[in-house]
Amino acid sequence: MHTATEKSIMFSEEIMKYRKNKIKTEHSIIKGLRRFLEDNISGIESVTGIIPGEIKVGRSTGENLAVSYKYSTRSGAKLIARSGTSVQEVFIITKNPEELRTVIELSGK
């Protein structure tokens, strides 16, 4: 049997298993998005987690990465990233979504 402390540590390790620089990496990430998240978002102190969603095929084309702030959520914010014909939702866990919005707008992506 495990003590409550051991269970807590095991749970924390399982949650952090797929995370690097606050980015959950259990699934694929579209071209250029990982670097953008590491360079611009993961360093924000109020951001505690970055969870890329599923990748879908979009209608528009273009090789350059474009990231836009979609809306605030209870736990933070939702972003949309586009690269080529791929579109990916990215959920950001933060207590300060307005700071995140400003960073996205200033990044020029």
N, C-alpha and C. Protein backbone atom coordinates (compact mmCIF):
# COMPACT_ATOMS: atom_id res chain seq x y z
N MET A 1 0.82 -1.19 0.00
CA MET A 1 0.00 0.00 0.00
C MET A 1 0.86 1.24 0.00
N HIS A 2 0.35 2.26 -0.63
CA HIS A 2 1.08 3.51 -0.70
C HIS A 2 0.49 4.51 0.29
N THR A 3 1.38 5.33 0.84
CA THR A 3 0.91 6.39 1.72
C THR A 3 0.30 7.50 0.86
N ALA A 4 -0.37 8.42 1.51
CA ALA A 4 -0.99 9.55 0.79
C ALA A 4 0.08 10.37 0.08
N THR A 5 1.24 10.55 0.70
CA THR A 5 2.33 11.31 0.08
C THR A 5 2.85 10.59 -1.15
N GLU A 6 3.03 9.28 -1.07
CA GLU A 6 3.50 8.51 -2.21
C GLU A 6 2.50 8.57 -3.36
N LYS A 7 1.22 8.47 -3.05
CA LYS A 7 0.18 8.57 -4.09
C LYS A 7 0.21 9.93 -4.75
N SER A 8 0.40 10.98 -3.96
CA SER A 8 0.47 12.34 -4.49
C SER A 8 1.65 12.49 -5.43
N ILE A 9 2.80 11.95 -5.05
CA ILE A 9 3.99 12.02 -5.90
C ILE A 9 3.77 11.24 -7.19
N MET A 10 3.18 10.06 -7.11
CA MET A 10 2.92 9.25 -8.29
C MET A 10 1.96 9.97 -9.23
N PHE A 11 0.93 10.63 -8.69
CA PHE A 11 -0.03 11.37 -9.49
C PHE A 11 0.66 12.54 -10.19
N SER A 12 1.51 13.27 -9.46
CA SER A 12 2.23 14.40 -10.04
C SER A 12 3.15 13.95 -11.16
N GLU A 13 3.85 12.83 -10.95
CA GLU A 13 4.74 12.31 -11.99
C GLU A 13 3.96 11.91 -13.23
N GLU A 14 2.79 11.33 -13.07
CA GLU A 14 1.96 10.93 -14.21
C GLU A 14 1.48 12.15 -14.98
N ILE A 15 1.08 13.18 -14.28
CA ILE A 15 0.62 14.41 -14.93
C ILE A 15 1.76 15.06 -15.69
N MET A 16 2.95 15.09 -15.11
CA MET A 16 4.09 15.75 -15.73
C MET A 16 4.80 14.88 -16.76
N LYS A 17 4.39 13.65 -16.91
CA LYS A 17 5.04 12.67 -17.77
C LYS A 17 5.29 13.18 -19.19
N TYR A 18 4.34 13.84 -19.76
CA TYR A 18 4.45 14.30 -21.14
C TYR A 18 4.72 15.80 -21.26
N ARG A 19 5.18 16.44 -20.20
CA ARG A 19 5.37 17.89 -20.24
C ARG A 19 6.84 18.28 -20.27
N LYS A 20 7.12 19.28 -21.09
CA LYS A 20 8.44 19.89 -21.15
C LYS A 20 8.21 21.36 -21.42
N ASN A 21 8.79 22.22 -20.60
CA ASN A 21 8.58 23.67 -20.71
C ASN A 21 7.09 24.02 -20.63
N LYS A 22 6.37 23.34 -19.76
CA LYS A 22 4.94 23.53 -19.53
C LYS A 22 4.07 23.02 -20.68
N ILE A 23 4.68 22.47 -21.74
CA ILE A 23 3.95 22.03 -22.93
C ILE A 23 3.69 20.53 -22.84
N LYS A 24 2.43 20.15 -22.91
CA LYS A 24 2.08 18.73 -22.93
C LYS A 24 2.40 18.20 -24.32
N THR A 25 3.24 17.17 -24.38
CA THR A 25 3.71 16.67 -25.68
C THR A 25 3.29 15.23 -25.95
N GLU A 26 2.14 14.85 -25.47
CA GLU A 26 1.66 13.48 -25.69
C GLU A 26 1.27 13.27 -27.16
N HIS A 27 0.84 14.33 -27.84
CA HIS A 27 0.40 14.23 -29.23
C HIS A 27 1.26 15.12 -30.13
N SER A 28 1.02 15.07 -31.41
CA SER A 28 1.78 15.86 -32.38
C SER A 28 1.47 17.35 -32.25
N ILE A 29 2.41 18.14 -32.74
CA ILE A 29 2.27 19.60 -32.76
C ILE A 29 2.64 20.06 -34.16
N ILE A 30 1.86 20.98 -34.74
CA ILE A 30 2.11 21.41 -36.12
C ILE A 30 3.44 22.15 -36.24
N LYS A 31 3.93 22.21 -37.46
CA LYS A 31 5.23 22.78 -37.79
C LYS A 31 5.37 24.21 -37.24
N GLY A 32 6.43 24.42 -36.46
CA GLY A 32 6.75 25.74 -35.94
C GLY A 32 6.08 26.11 -34.64
N LEU A 33 5.05 25.36 -34.25
CA LEU A 33 4.28 25.73 -33.05
C LEU A 33 5.06 25.49 -31.76
N ARG A 34 5.77 24.38 -31.65
CA ARG A 34 6.52 24.10 -30.42
C ARG A 34 7.51 25.23 -30.11
N ARG A 35 8.26 25.63 -31.13
CA ARG A 35 9.24 26.70 -30.92
C ARG A 35 8.54 28.00 -30.51
N PHE A 36 7.42 28.33 -31.15
CA PHE A 36 6.67 29.53 -30.80
C PHE A 36 6.23 29.47 -29.33
N LEU A 37 5.69 28.33 -28.91
CA LEU A 37 5.21 28.19 -27.53
C LEU A 37 6.37 28.30 -26.54
N GLU A 38 7.50 27.66 -26.85
CA GLU A 38 8.66 27.73 -25.97
C GLU A 38 9.23 29.14 -25.90
N ASP A 39 9.32 29.82 -27.03
CA ASP A 39 9.93 31.14 -27.08
C ASP A 39 9.03 32.25 -26.54
N ASN A 40 7.71 32.10 -26.67
CA ASN A 40 6.81 33.20 -26.34
C ASN A 40 5.87 32.96 -25.17
N ILE A 41 5.42 31.72 -24.96
CA ILE A 41 4.36 31.46 -23.98
C ILE A 41 4.85 30.78 -22.70
N SER A 42 5.70 29.76 -22.82
CA SER A 42 6.07 29.00 -21.63
C SER A 42 6.84 29.82 -20.60
N GLY A 43 7.45 30.90 -20.99
CA GLY A 43 8.18 31.76 -20.07
C GLY A 43 7.30 32.71 -19.27
N ILE A 44 6.03 32.81 -19.61
CA ILE A 44 5.11 33.70 -18.87
C ILE A 44 4.84 33.06 -17.51
N GLU A 45 5.12 33.80 -16.45
CA GLU A 45 5.00 33.24 -15.11
C GLU A 45 3.59 32.76 -14.78
N SER A 46 2.57 33.46 -15.25
CA SER A 46 1.19 33.09 -14.92
C SER A 46 0.70 31.85 -15.68
N VAL A 47 1.44 31.42 -16.71
CA VAL A 47 1.07 30.23 -17.48
C VAL A 47 1.58 28.99 -16.74
N THR A 48 0.65 28.07 -16.44
CA THR A 48 1.05 26.85 -15.73
C THR A 48 0.96 25.61 -16.61
N GLY A 49 0.31 25.72 -17.76
CA GLY A 49 0.21 24.57 -18.65
C GLY A 49 -0.17 24.97 -20.06
N ILE A 50 0.34 24.20 -21.03
CA ILE A 50 0.05 24.43 -22.45
C ILE A 50 -0.35 23.07 -23.02
N ILE A 51 -1.57 22.99 -23.55
CA ILE A 51 -2.10 21.71 -24.02
C ILE A 51 -2.54 21.84 -25.48
N PRO A 52 -1.70 21.37 -26.41
CA PRO A 52 -2.10 21.37 -27.82
C PRO A 52 -3.21 20.36 -28.05
N GLY A 53 -4.20 20.74 -28.85
CA GLY A 53 -5.31 19.85 -29.17
C GLY A 53 -5.05 19.08 -30.44
N GLU A 54 -6.11 18.50 -30.98
CA GLU A 54 -5.96 17.70 -32.20
C GLU A 54 -5.66 18.59 -33.40
N ILE A 55 -5.02 18.00 -34.38
CA ILE A 55 -4.69 18.71 -35.61
C ILE A 55 -5.77 18.40 -36.64
N LYS A 56 -6.25 19.46 -37.29
CA LYS A 56 -7.26 19.29 -38.34
C LYS A 56 -6.74 19.89 -39.63
N VAL A 57 -7.36 19.53 -40.73
CA VAL A 57 -7.00 20.08 -42.03
C VAL A 57 -7.87 21.31 -42.27
N GLY A 58 -7.22 22.44 -42.56
CA GLY A 58 -7.95 23.68 -42.83
C GLY A 58 -8.12 23.90 -44.31
N ARG A 59 -8.78 24.96 -44.66
CA ARG A 59 -9.05 25.28 -46.07
C ARG A 59 -7.98 26.16 -46.67
N SER A 60 -7.39 27.03 -45.85
CA SER A 60 -6.41 27.97 -46.39
C SER A 60 -5.03 27.33 -46.45
N THR A 61 -4.17 27.93 -47.25
CA THR A 61 -2.80 27.45 -47.38
C THR A 61 -1.84 28.53 -46.92
N GLY A 62 -0.61 28.19 -46.79
CA GLY A 62 0.42 29.13 -46.37
C GLY A 62 1.40 28.39 -45.48
N GLU A 63 2.67 28.62 -45.72
CA GLU A 63 3.70 27.89 -44.98
C GLU A 63 3.99 28.48 -43.61
N ASN A 64 3.82 29.78 -43.45
CA ASN A 64 4.19 30.43 -42.19
C ASN A 64 3.19 30.13 -41.08
N LEU A 65 3.73 29.98 -39.87
CA LEU A 65 2.89 29.77 -38.70
C LEU A 65 2.13 31.05 -38.36
N ALA A 66 0.85 30.91 -38.07
CA ALA A 66 0.03 32.03 -37.60
C ALA A 66 -0.69 31.57 -36.34
N VAL A 67 -0.56 32.35 -35.26
CA VAL A 67 -1.19 32.01 -33.99
C VAL A 67 -2.11 33.16 -33.60
N SER A 68 -3.36 32.83 -33.24
CA SER A 68 -4.29 33.87 -32.83
C SER A 68 -4.98 33.49 -31.53
N TYR A 69 -5.29 34.51 -30.75
CA TYR A 69 -6.02 34.35 -29.49
C TYR A 69 -7.48 34.23 -29.85
N LYS A 70 -8.13 33.13 -29.46
CA LYS A 70 -9.53 32.91 -29.82
C LYS A 70 -10.47 33.47 -28.76
N TYR A 71 -10.36 32.96 -27.52
CA TYR A 71 -11.20 33.46 -26.43
C TYR A 71 -10.68 32.98 -25.08
N SER A 72 -11.16 33.62 -24.02
CA SER A 72 -10.83 33.22 -22.66
C SER A 72 -11.71 32.05 -22.24
N THR A 73 -11.16 31.19 -21.39
CA THR A 73 -11.90 30.06 -20.84
C THR A 73 -11.85 30.15 -19.31
N ARG A 74 -12.52 29.24 -18.63
CA ARG A 74 -12.47 29.23 -17.17
C ARG A 74 -11.06 29.07 -16.63
N SER A 75 -10.28 28.24 -17.31
CA SER A 75 -8.94 27.95 -16.82
C SER A 75 -7.85 28.74 -17.53
N GLY A 76 -8.20 29.57 -18.51
CA GLY A 76 -7.18 30.34 -19.21
C GLY A 76 -7.66 30.86 -20.54
N ALA A 77 -7.15 30.26 -21.63
CA ALA A 77 -7.49 30.76 -22.96
C ALA A 77 -7.33 29.68 -24.01
N LYS A 78 -7.97 29.92 -25.15
CA LYS A 78 -7.85 29.03 -26.31
C LYS A 78 -7.19 29.82 -27.43
N LEU A 79 -6.17 29.22 -28.04
CA LEU A 79 -5.50 29.80 -29.20
C LEU A 79 -5.76 28.90 -30.41
N ILE A 80 -5.64 29.48 -31.59
CA ILE A 80 -5.69 28.72 -32.84
C ILE A 80 -4.37 28.94 -33.57
N ALA A 81 -3.73 27.83 -33.96
CA ALA A 81 -2.48 27.90 -34.71
C ALA A 81 -2.70 27.31 -36.09
N ARG A 82 -2.15 27.99 -37.11
CA ARG A 82 -2.27 27.51 -38.49
C ARG A 82 -0.89 27.48 -39.12
N SER A 83 -0.61 26.39 -39.82
CA SER A 83 0.64 26.25 -40.55
C SER A 83 0.37 25.36 -41.75
N GLY A 84 0.62 25.88 -42.94
CA GLY A 84 0.26 25.13 -44.15
C GLY A 84 -1.25 24.95 -44.16
N THR A 85 -1.69 23.72 -44.36
CA THR A 85 -3.14 23.45 -44.34
C THR A 85 -3.57 22.90 -42.97
N SER A 86 -2.66 22.85 -42.01
CA SER A 86 -2.97 22.31 -40.69
C SER A 86 -3.46 23.39 -39.73
N VAL A 87 -4.45 23.02 -38.92
CA VAL A 87 -5.02 23.91 -37.91
C VAL A 87 -5.02 23.15 -36.59
N GLN A 88 -4.56 23.82 -35.51
CA GLN A 88 -4.52 23.17 -34.20
C GLN A 88 -4.98 24.13 -33.11
N GLU A 89 -5.86 23.62 -32.25
CA GLU A 89 -6.26 24.37 -31.07
C GLU A 89 -5.17 24.20 -30.01
N VAL A 90 -4.95 25.25 -29.22
CA VAL A 90 -4.00 25.17 -28.12
C VAL A 90 -4.67 25.78 -26.90
N PHE A 91 -4.75 25.01 -25.83
CA PHE A 91 -5.37 25.49 -24.60
C PHE A 91 -4.26 25.89 -23.63
N ILE A 92 -4.37 27.10 -23.11
CA ILE A 92 -3.37 27.64 -22.20
C ILE A 92 -4.00 27.77 -20.82
N ILE A 93 -3.35 27.20 -19.82
CA ILE A 93 -3.82 27.33 -18.44
C ILE A 93 -3.08 28.50 -17.82
N THR A 94 -3.83 29.54 -17.46
CA THR A 94 -3.24 30.74 -16.90
C THR A 94 -4.28 31.49 -16.06
N LYS A 95 -3.80 32.21 -15.09
CA LYS A 95 -4.68 33.06 -14.28
C LYS A 95 -4.78 34.46 -14.86
N ASN A 96 -4.00 34.73 -15.92
CA ASN A 96 -3.98 36.06 -16.51
C ASN A 96 -4.08 35.98 -18.04
N PRO A 97 -5.28 35.68 -18.57
CA PRO A 97 -5.42 35.55 -20.02
C PRO A 97 -5.15 36.85 -20.79
N GLU A 98 -5.35 37.99 -20.15
CA GLU A 98 -5.10 39.26 -20.85
C GLU A 98 -3.61 39.46 -21.12
N GLU A 99 -2.76 39.04 -20.19
CA GLU A 99 -1.32 39.09 -20.41
C GLU A 99 -0.95 38.19 -21.60
N LEU A 100 -1.55 37.02 -21.66
CA LEU A 100 -1.33 36.10 -22.77
C LEU A 100 -1.76 36.73 -24.09
N ARG A 101 -2.93 37.34 -24.11
CA ARG A 101 -3.44 38.00 -25.33
C ARG A 101 -2.45 39.05 -25.83
N THR A 102 -1.91 39.84 -24.90
CA THR A 102 -0.95 40.88 -25.26
C THR A 102 0.32 40.27 -25.87
N VAL A 103 0.82 39.21 -25.27
CA VAL A 103 2.01 38.53 -25.78
C VAL A 103 1.76 38.00 -27.20
N ILE A 104 0.61 37.41 -27.43
CA ILE A 104 0.25 36.88 -28.76
C ILE A 104 0.21 38.03 -29.78
N GLU A 105 -0.43 39.12 -29.42
CA GLU A 105 -0.56 40.26 -30.34
C GLU A 105 0.79 40.87 -30.64
N LEU A 106 1.67 40.96 -29.64
CA LEU A 106 3.00 41.56 -29.85
C LEU A 106 3.96 40.64 -30.61
N SER A 107 3.67 39.33 -30.60
CA SER A 107 4.56 38.39 -31.28
C SER A 107 4.51 38.54 -32.79
N GLY A 108 3.39 39.05 -33.30
CA GLY A 108 3.24 39.24 -34.73
C GLY A 108 3.07 37.97 -35.52
N LYS A 109 2.72 36.87 -34.87
CA LYS A 109 2.53 35.59 -35.56
C LYS A 109 1.11 35.45 -36.02
